[in-house]
């Protein structure tokens, strides 16, 4: 799958079509303050797990200045 990139809360995030629901959830459904919590945790611990309103589970990874979304 083709990897795409988008900015969410001023952070560049890599994802594929498999994670498009997570992109919508972080960018559109949550407030920027709510979404920023996941970015802060991923930056501090290397990853942050979350689920969207439809119980789909995702992980936001952080490594070497890059954020990546993956479906679990």
C-alpha atoms as a PDB file:
ATOM      1  CA  UNK A   1       0.000   0.000   0.000  1.00  0.00           C
ATOM      2  CA  UNK A   2       1.070   3.506  -0.747  1.00  0.00           C
ATOM      3  CA  UNK A   3       2.216   5.483   2.263  1.00  0.00           C
ATOM      4  CA  UNK A   4       0.684   8.927   2.625  1.00  0.00           C
ATOM      5  CA  UNK A   5       1.563  11.854   4.883  1.00  0.00           C
ATOM      6  CA  UNK A   6      -0.618  14.429   6.600  1.00  0.00           C
ATOM      7  CA  UNK A   7      -0.167  17.056   9.287  1.00  0.00           C
ATOM      8  CA  UNK A   8      -2.164  16.587  12.486  1.00  0.00           C
ATOM      9  CA  UNK A   9      -1.586  18.968  15.422  1.00  0.00           C
ATOM     10  CA  UNK A  10       1.463  20.348  13.576  1.00  0.00           C
ATOM     11  CA  UNK A  11       3.014  16.864  13.394  1.00  0.00           C
ATOM     12  CA  UNK A  12       3.659  15.042  10.146  1.00  0.00           C
ATOM     13  CA  UNK A  13       2.069  11.585  10.276  1.00  0.00           C
ATOM     14  CA  UNK A  14       2.662   8.701   7.851  1.00  0.00           C
ATOM     15  CA  UNK A  15      -0.222   6.292   7.194  1.00  0.00           C
ATOM     16  CA  UNK A  16      -1.802   4.065   4.562  1.00  0.00           C
ATOM     17  CA  UNK A  17      -5.441   3.690   3.496  1.00  0.00           C
ATOM     18  CA  UNK A  18      -5.804   1.081   6.264  1.00  0.00           C
ATOM     19  CA  UNK A  19      -5.434   3.876   8.837  1.00  0.00           C
ATOM     20  CA  UNK A  20      -7.634   6.528   7.192  1.00  0.00           C
ATOM     21  CA  UNK A  21     -10.222   6.158   9.977  1.00  0.00           C
ATOM     22  CA  UNK A  22      -7.522   6.964  12.546  1.00  0.00           C
ATOM     23  CA  UNK A  23      -6.526  10.065  10.585  1.00  0.00           C
ATOM     24  CA  UNK A  24     -10.145  11.250  10.564  1.00  0.00           C
ATOM     25  CA  UNK A  25     -10.488  10.513  14.290  1.00  0.00           C
ATOM     26  CA  UNK A  26      -7.332  12.426  15.277  1.00  0.00           C
ATOM     27  CA  UNK A  27      -7.829  15.320  12.849  1.00  0.00           C
ATOM     28  CA  UNK A  28     -11.592  15.822  12.713  1.00  0.00           C
ATOM     29  CA  UNK A  29     -13.321  14.015  15.576  1.00  0.00           C
ATOM     30  CA  UNK A  30     -11.092  15.007  18.494  1.00  0.00           C
ATOM     31  CA  UNK A  31     -10.203  18.531  19.516  1.00  0.00           C
ATOM     32  CA  UNK A  32      -6.558  19.443  18.963  1.00  0.00           C
ATOM     33  CA  UNK A  33      -5.987  19.324  22.746  1.00  0.00           C
ATOM     34  CA  UNK A  34      -7.428  15.799  22.922  1.00  0.00           C
ATOM     35  CA  UNK A  35      -5.398  14.566  19.941  1.00  0.00           C
ATOM     36  CA  UNK A  36      -2.211  16.192  21.217  1.00  0.00           C
ATOM     37  CA  UNK A  37      -2.263  13.819  24.223  1.00  0.00           C
ATOM     38  CA  UNK A  38      -1.574  10.870  21.895  1.00  0.00           C
ATOM     39  CA  UNK A  39       1.287  12.689  20.189  1.00  0.00           C
ATOM     40  CA  UNK A  40       2.818  13.640  23.543  1.00  0.00           C
ATOM     41  CA  UNK A  41       2.598  10.058  24.778  1.00  0.00           C
ATOM     42  CA  UNK A  42       4.041   8.633  21.557  1.00  0.00           C
ATOM     43  CA  UNK A  43       6.901  11.129  21.718  1.00  0.00           C
ATOM     44  CA  UNK A  44       7.625  10.253  25.380  1.00  0.00           C
ATOM     45  CA  UNK A  45       7.147   6.461  25.226  1.00  0.00           C
ATOM     46  CA  UNK A  46       7.604   5.543  21.565  1.00  0.00           C
ATOM     47  CA  UNK A  47       3.936   4.714  20.956  1.00  0.00           C
ATOM     48  CA  UNK A  48       0.388   5.516  21.974  1.00  0.00           C
ATOM     49  CA  UNK A  49      -2.525   3.116  21.567  1.00  0.00           C
ATOM     50  CA  UNK A  50      -6.066   4.365  21.011  1.00  0.00           C
ATOM     51  CA  UNK A  51      -9.373   3.367  19.503  1.00  0.00           C
ATOM     52  CA  UNK A  52     -11.852   5.419  17.526  1.00  0.00           C
ATOM     53  CA  UNK A  53     -15.591   5.750  18.150  1.00  0.00           C
ATOM     54  CA  UNK A  54     -16.230   2.496  16.268  1.00  0.00           C
ATOM     55  CA  UNK A  55     -13.814   0.477  18.441  1.00  0.00           C
ATOM     56  CA  UNK A  56     -11.173   0.209  15.705  1.00  0.00           C
ATOM     57  CA  UNK A  57      -7.780  -0.014  17.376  1.00  0.00           C
ATOM     58  CA  UNK A  58      -4.705   1.906  16.278  1.00  0.00           C
ATOM     59  CA  UNK A  59      -1.193   2.704  17.461  1.00  0.00           C
ATOM     60  CA  UNK A  60       0.641   5.958  16.872  1.00  0.00           C
ATOM     61  CA  UNK A  61       4.384   5.269  16.764  1.00  0.00           C
ATOM     62  CA  UNK A  62       7.169   7.832  17.152  1.00  0.00           C
ATOM     63  CA  UNK A  63      10.779   7.221  16.155  1.00  0.00           C
ATOM     64  CA  UNK A  64      13.563   9.538  15.032  1.00  0.00           C
ATOM     65  CA  UNK A  65      11.210  12.500  14.691  1.00  0.00           C
ATOM     66  CA  UNK A  66       8.612  10.624  12.627  1.00  0.00           C
ATOM     67  CA  UNK A  67       5.049   9.644  13.562  1.00  0.00           C
ATOM     68  CA  UNK A  68       3.447   6.587  11.946  1.00  0.00           C
ATOM     69  CA  UNK A  69      -0.087   5.237  12.331  1.00  0.00           C
ATOM     70  CA  UNK A  70      -0.768   1.496  12.264  1.00  0.00           C
ATOM     71  CA  UNK A  71      -3.993  -0.453  12.679  1.00  0.00           C
ATOM     72  CA  UNK A  72      -3.924  -3.158  15.360  1.00  0.00           C
END
